[in-house]
Structure formats: structure tokens, C-alpha cells
């Protein structure tokens, strides 16, 4: 479903535009990545938390390296880090109207995030990201869909997804 929406946005003959005021994560950011223009408020935050719930970031996440580079994509997808609007703007991912200094994160925070993430999913995400480097965009999206199906079949997400959902309800 997300892929069809993103594909429609990308195939649309006019510019797709997304404007956000709140935290955006996961699939919503994939939809944003499919848009031509992205504008966010200065207090917005962005992240791809999938590795923390046991599934790889897939589908239009394949657009991220083309938007923000491989290093930043690796950082977001492998650590599930959330970045603020200032950093997102500095990365040319989003445009916002007000400037605020961005916060910095230590490498130990990133290492800890990777260690705490779902291990099979981190491996699957890394393999998928490497495949994206040599695939066309359409092939990379399909590879992501295939990786998601494999991840679900392996079941690593079941416990983590439940914990994630229950955390949101508290």
C-alpha cells in the first residue's frame, strides 16, 4: 500500500509537496522521500525506527541514499536514530523556516543503538542497503519488499512489535 502511494507521488507529472509540523517516522518518511518538496516546522523530528521493532526499513527507504547520502542513510536505518529539524535541514532532507542549532550524538550512542536493535533485522537491513547500491530504484524497492517478507517469515519482529505497540499505549 505504501509503495503504491509513493509510486503514485513519484509518477505524478506535477511536484509532490509535503509539509509537516510533528514527529514523522518510518513509513511517513518514505512517503515524504517520494515527494519533490519537503517542508517541516523547526520543532519536527525524523527517524526510521524499524530496526528497533524487528523489521528492516524497506520500500521507498531506498530513496534515502539518493536524498541524504549513504552515510546518513546508514546512520538512520541501522541505529533508528531520530534527528531534529535543524539536522534534517543541514542534510538537505527537509526545508524549514526557522534555524536552531542541531544536537550532536556520540558514536557510543550509535553503537549502543545498533547493539540493542533486532540483530537479524540489522543484518538484513545492512544486506538490503548494500544491494540498493547496485540496483536500479525499482529493483531496490522490490528487494525491500522481498526483505520485509523474509523478515516477517523469520518472526523476529513479533516480540519487539508487541513491546513497541504496548509502549505507545502507556
C-alpha atoms as a PDB file:
ATOM      1  CA  UNK A   1       0.000   0.000   0.000  1.00  0.00           C
ATOM      2  CA  UNK A   2       2.748   2.483   0.950  1.00  0.00           C
ATOM      3  CA  UNK A   3       4.674   1.622  -2.179  1.00  0.00           C
ATOM      4  CA  UNK A   4       1.662   2.285  -4.409  1.00  0.00           C
ATOM      5  CA  UNK A   5       1.129   5.667  -2.773  1.00  0.00           C
ATOM      6  CA  UNK A   6       4.810   6.573  -3.100  1.00  0.00           C
ATOM      7  CA  UNK A   7       4.954   5.347  -6.667  1.00  0.00           C
ATOM      8  CA  UNK A   8       1.915   7.467  -7.495  1.00  0.00           C
ATOM      9  CA  UNK A   9       3.581  10.508  -5.960  1.00  0.00           C
ATOM     10  CA  UNK A  10       6.811   9.836  -7.861  1.00  0.00           C
ATOM     11  CA  UNK A  11       4.948   9.197 -11.120  1.00  0.00           C
ATOM     12  CA  UNK A  12       2.757  12.291 -10.750  1.00  0.00           C
ATOM     13  CA  UNK A  13       3.558  14.795 -13.528  1.00  0.00           C
ATOM     14  CA  UNK A  14       3.452  17.722 -11.058  1.00  0.00           C
ATOM     15  CA  UNK A  15       5.633  18.292  -7.989  1.00  0.00           C
ATOM     16  CA  UNK A  16       4.614  16.409  -4.863  1.00  0.00           C
ATOM     17  CA  UNK A  17       4.794  18.545  -1.723  1.00  0.00           C
ATOM     18  CA  UNK A  18       4.666  17.535   1.933  1.00  0.00           C
ATOM     19  CA  UNK A  19       4.553  19.922   4.883  1.00  0.00           C
ATOM     20  CA  UNK A  20       4.821  18.633   8.481  1.00  0.00           C
ATOM     21  CA  UNK A  21       4.661  20.081  11.966  1.00  0.00           C
ATOM     22  CA  UNK A  22       5.062  16.953  14.122  1.00  0.00           C
ATOM     23  CA  UNK A  23       7.317  13.937  14.566  1.00  0.00           C
ATOM     24  CA  UNK A  24       7.410  11.815  11.452  1.00  0.00           C
ATOM     25  CA  UNK A  25       8.795   8.304  11.426  1.00  0.00           C
ATOM     26  CA  UNK A  26       9.019   5.188   9.307  1.00  0.00           C
ATOM     27  CA  UNK A  27       6.501   4.865   6.506  1.00  0.00           C
ATOM     28  CA  UNK A  28       5.530   8.531   6.730  1.00  0.00           C
ATOM     29  CA  UNK A  29       9.116   9.466   5.947  1.00  0.00           C
ATOM     30  CA  UNK A  30       9.098   7.107   2.988  1.00  0.00           C
ATOM     31  CA  UNK A  31       6.079   8.990   1.640  1.00  0.00           C
ATOM     32  CA  UNK A  32       7.956  12.241   2.276  1.00  0.00           C
ATOM     33  CA  UNK A  33      11.014  10.870   0.474  1.00  0.00           C
ATOM     34  CA  UNK A  34       8.831  10.232  -2.568  1.00  0.00           C
ATOM     35  CA  UNK A  35       7.805  13.900  -2.625  1.00  0.00           C
ATOM     36  CA  UNK A  36       9.682  16.522  -4.577  1.00  0.00           C
ATOM     37  CA  UNK A  37       9.465  19.156  -1.832  1.00  0.00           C
ATOM     38  CA  UNK A  38       9.513  18.614   1.936  1.00  0.00           C
ATOM     39  CA  UNK A  39       8.936  21.399   4.462  1.00  0.00           C
ATOM     40  CA  UNK A  40       8.919  20.952   8.230  1.00  0.00           C
ATOM     41  CA  UNK A  41       8.489  23.094  11.326  1.00  0.00           C
ATOM     42  CA  UNK A  42      11.590  23.880  13.349  1.00  0.00           C
ATOM     43  CA  UNK A  43      10.470  21.546  16.157  1.00  0.00           C
ATOM     44  CA  UNK A  44       9.883  18.488  13.951  1.00  0.00           C
ATOM     45  CA  UNK A  45      11.841  15.246  14.412  1.00  0.00           C
ATOM     46  CA  UNK A  46      12.547  12.493  11.888  1.00  0.00           C
ATOM     47  CA  UNK A  47      13.517   8.851  12.183  1.00  0.00           C
ATOM     48  CA  UNK A  48      13.270   5.349  10.762  1.00  0.00           C
ATOM     49  CA  UNK A  49      12.664   3.141  13.840  1.00  0.00           C
ATOM     50  CA  UNK A  50      12.033  -0.158  12.071  1.00  0.00           C
ATOM     51  CA  UNK A  51      15.195  -1.990  13.298  1.00  0.00           C
ATOM     52  CA  UNK A  52      14.026  -1.404  16.865  1.00  0.00           C
ATOM     53  CA  UNK A  53      10.773  -3.259  16.227  1.00  0.00           C
ATOM     54  CA  UNK A  54      12.284  -6.123  14.256  1.00  0.00           C
ATOM     55  CA  UNK A  55      11.727  -5.270  10.599  1.00  0.00           C
ATOM     56  CA  UNK A  56      14.050  -3.577   8.102  1.00  0.00           C
ATOM     57  CA  UNK A  57      13.266  -0.190   6.599  1.00  0.00           C
ATOM     58  CA  UNK A  58      12.124  -1.027   3.088  1.00  0.00           C
ATOM     59  CA  UNK A  59      10.142   0.136   0.097  1.00  0.00           C
ATOM     60  CA  UNK A  60      10.815   3.839  -0.566  1.00  0.00           C
ATOM     61  CA  UNK A  61      13.520   3.965   2.106  1.00  0.00           C
ATOM     62  CA  UNK A  62      15.587   3.084  -0.962  1.00  0.00           C
ATOM     63  CA  UNK A  63      15.231   6.754  -1.931  1.00  0.00           C
ATOM     64  CA  UNK A  64      17.125   7.990   1.126  1.00  0.00           C
ATOM     65  CA  UNK A  65      20.690   7.415  -0.152  1.00  0.00           C
ATOM     66  CA  UNK A  66      19.849   9.487  -3.191  1.00  0.00           C
ATOM     67  CA  UNK A  67      18.481  12.271  -0.962  1.00  0.00           C
ATOM     68  CA  UNK A  68      20.861  12.362   2.016  1.00  0.00           C
ATOM     69  CA  UNK A  69      23.780  10.087   1.076  1.00  0.00           C
ATOM     70  CA  UNK A  70      24.815   6.595   2.127  1.00  0.00           C
ATOM     71  CA  UNK A  71      26.483   7.572   5.397  1.00  0.00           C
ATOM     72  CA  UNK A  72      23.441   9.381   6.739  1.00  0.00           C
ATOM     73  CA  UNK A  73      21.101   6.683   5.461  1.00  0.00           C
ATOM     74  CA  UNK A  74      23.188   4.030   7.225  1.00  0.00           C
ATOM     75  CA  UNK A  75      23.102   6.053  10.411  1.00  0.00           C
ATOM     76  CA  UNK A  76      19.313   6.422  10.359  1.00  0.00           C
ATOM     77  CA  UNK A  77      18.420   2.917   9.236  1.00  0.00           C
ATOM     78  CA  UNK A  78      20.913   0.962  11.351  1.00  0.00           C
ATOM     79  CA  UNK A  79      20.606   2.970  14.596  1.00  0.00           C
ATOM     80  CA  UNK A  80      16.943   4.073  14.416  1.00  0.00           C
ATOM     81  CA  UNK A  81      18.216   7.493  15.482  1.00  0.00           C
ATOM     82  CA  UNK A  82      15.757  10.378  15.473  1.00  0.00           C
ATOM     83  CA  UNK A  83      17.106  13.676  14.170  1.00  0.00           C
ATOM     84  CA  UNK A  84      15.797  17.166  14.717  1.00  0.00           C
ATOM     85  CA  UNK A  85      14.670  19.616  12.068  1.00  0.00           C
ATOM     86  CA  UNK A  86      17.933  21.544  12.071  1.00  0.00           C
ATOM     87  CA  UNK A  87      19.923  18.412  11.284  1.00  0.00           C
ATOM     88  CA  UNK A  88      17.393  17.297   8.670  1.00  0.00           C
ATOM     89  CA  UNK A  89      17.725  20.679   7.007  1.00  0.00           C
ATOM     90  CA  UNK A  90      21.513  20.568   7.170  1.00  0.00           C
ATOM     91  CA  UNK A  91      21.319  17.187   5.436  1.00  0.00           C
ATOM     92  CA  UNK A  92      19.121  18.769   2.711  1.00  0.00           C
ATOM     93  CA  UNK A  93      16.393  16.272   3.566  1.00  0.00           C
ATOM     94  CA  UNK A  94      13.846  18.835   4.716  1.00  0.00           C
ATOM     95  CA  UNK A  95      13.475  22.569   4.481  1.00  0.00           C
ATOM     96  CA  UNK A  96      12.242  24.530   7.442  1.00  0.00           C
ATOM     97  CA  UNK A  97      11.703  28.190   8.131  1.00  0.00           C
ATOM     98  CA  UNK A  98      13.498  28.730  11.466  1.00  0.00           C
ATOM     99  CA  UNK A  99      17.085  27.887  12.365  1.00  0.00           C
ATOM    100  CA  UNK A 100      18.085  26.221  15.632  1.00  0.00           C
ATOM    101  CA  UNK A 101      21.409  24.632  16.470  1.00  0.00           C
ATOM    102  CA  UNK A 102      21.385  20.892  15.904  1.00  0.00           C
ATOM    103  CA  UNK A 103      22.376  18.495  18.647  1.00  0.00           C
ATOM    104  CA  UNK A 104      25.283  16.108  18.262  1.00  0.00           C
ATOM    105  CA  UNK A 105      25.373  12.438  19.167  1.00  0.00           C
ATOM    106  CA  UNK A 106      28.359  10.455  20.270  1.00  0.00           C
ATOM    107  CA  UNK A 107      29.444   7.352  18.424  1.00  0.00           C
ATOM    108  CA  UNK A 108      28.807   5.329  21.601  1.00  0.00           C
ATOM    109  CA  UNK A 109      25.116   6.213  21.337  1.00  0.00           C
ATOM    110  CA  UNK A 110      25.015   4.903  17.767  1.00  0.00           C
ATOM    111  CA  UNK A 111      26.893   1.739  18.724  1.00  0.00           C
ATOM    112  CA  UNK A 112      24.521   1.110  21.634  1.00  0.00           C
ATOM    113  CA  UNK A 113      21.506   1.613  19.373  1.00  0.00           C
ATOM    114  CA  UNK A 114      22.798  -0.967  16.887  1.00  0.00           C
ATOM    115  CA  UNK A 115      23.537  -3.482  19.638  1.00  0.00           C
ATOM    116  CA  UNK A 116      20.051  -3.011  21.132  1.00  0.00           C
ATOM    117  CA  UNK A 117      18.254  -3.316  17.794  1.00  0.00           C
ATOM    118  CA  UNK A 118      16.869  -6.596  16.483  1.00  0.00           C
ATOM    119  CA  UNK A 119      20.064  -8.430  15.400  1.00  0.00           C
ATOM    120  CA  UNK A 120      18.697 -10.381  12.442  1.00  0.00           C
ATOM    121  CA  UNK A 121      16.954  -7.251  11.234  1.00  0.00           C
ATOM    122  CA  UNK A 122      20.118  -5.136  11.472  1.00  0.00           C
ATOM    123  CA  UNK A 123      21.894  -7.739   9.347  1.00  0.00           C
ATOM    124  CA  UNK A 124      19.012  -7.864   6.867  1.00  0.00           C
ATOM    125  CA  UNK A 125      18.964  -4.055   6.715  1.00  0.00           C
ATOM    126  CA  UNK A 126      22.683  -3.884   6.015  1.00  0.00           C
ATOM    127  CA  UNK A 127      22.438  -6.547   3.263  1.00  0.00           C
ATOM    128  CA  UNK A 128      19.498  -4.697   1.750  1.00  0.00           C
ATOM    129  CA  UNK A 129      21.301  -1.368   1.829  1.00  0.00           C
ATOM    130  CA  UNK A 130      24.280  -2.917   0.071  1.00  0.00           C
ATOM    131  CA  UNK A 131      22.003  -4.347  -2.603  1.00  0.00           C
ATOM    132  CA  UNK A 132      20.433  -0.922  -3.079  1.00  0.00           C
ATOM    133  CA  UNK A 133      23.860   0.404  -4.067  1.00  0.00           C
ATOM    134  CA  UNK A 134      23.907  -1.681  -7.230  1.00  0.00           C
ATOM    135  CA  UNK A 135      20.214  -1.891  -8.101  1.00  0.00           C
ATOM    136  CA  UNK A 136      18.027   0.442 -10.062  1.00  0.00           C
ATOM    137  CA  UNK A 137      15.459   2.240  -7.917  1.00  0.00           C
ATOM    138  CA  UNK A 138      12.638  -0.100  -8.995  1.00  0.00           C
ATOM    139  CA  UNK A 139      14.806  -3.170  -8.260  1.00  0.00           C
ATOM    140  CA  UNK A 140      15.810  -1.715  -4.887  1.00  0.00           C
ATOM    141  CA  UNK A 141      12.175  -1.161  -3.923  1.00  0.00           C
ATOM    142  CA  UNK A 142      11.338  -4.754  -4.893  1.00  0.00           C
ATOM    143  CA  UNK A 143      14.370  -6.009  -2.945  1.00  0.00           C
ATOM    144  CA  UNK A 144      12.991  -4.136   0.080  1.00  0.00           C
ATOM    145  CA  UNK A 145       9.579  -5.716  -0.312  1.00  0.00           C
ATOM    146  CA  UNK A 146      11.247  -9.145  -0.527  1.00  0.00           C
ATOM    147  CA  UNK A 147      13.378  -8.413   2.563  1.00  0.00           C
ATOM    148  CA  UNK A 148      10.285  -7.407   4.538  1.00  0.00           C
ATOM    149  CA  UNK A 149       8.528 -10.648   3.574  1.00  0.00           C
ATOM    150  CA  UNK A 150      11.607 -12.641   4.653  1.00  0.00           C
ATOM    151  CA  UNK A 151      11.848 -10.722   7.922  1.00  0.00           C
ATOM    152  CA  UNK A 152       8.193 -11.363   8.732  1.00  0.00           C
ATOM    153  CA  UNK A 153       8.625 -15.064   7.888  1.00  0.00           C
ATOM    154  CA  UNK A 154      11.566 -15.260  10.328  1.00  0.00           C
ATOM    155  CA  UNK A 155       9.387 -13.748  13.074  1.00  0.00           C
ATOM    156  CA  UNK A 156      11.986 -11.627  14.855  1.00  0.00           C
ATOM    157  CA  UNK A 157       9.561  -8.726  14.872  1.00  0.00           C
ATOM    158  CA  UNK A 158       6.810 -10.421  16.893  1.00  0.00           C
ATOM    159  CA  UNK A 159       8.104  -9.718  20.408  1.00  0.00           C
ATOM    160  CA  UNK A 160       9.561  -6.323  19.571  1.00  0.00           C
ATOM    161  CA  UNK A 161       6.497  -5.118  17.681  1.00  0.00           C
ATOM    162  CA  UNK A 162       4.293  -6.085  20.635  1.00  0.00           C
ATOM    163  CA  UNK A 163       6.554  -4.207  23.046  1.00  0.00           C
ATOM    164  CA  UNK A 164       6.592  -1.179  20.730  1.00  0.00           C
ATOM    165  CA  UNK A 165       2.791  -1.105  20.439  1.00  0.00           C
ATOM    166  CA  UNK A 166       2.316  -1.537  24.190  1.00  0.00           C
ATOM    167  CA  UNK A 167       4.852   1.233  24.889  1.00  0.00           C
ATOM    168  CA  UNK A 168       2.815   3.642  22.764  1.00  0.00           C
ATOM    169  CA  UNK A 169      -0.367   2.815  24.725  1.00  0.00           C
ATOM    170  CA  UNK A 170       1.142   3.716  28.125  1.00  0.00           C
END
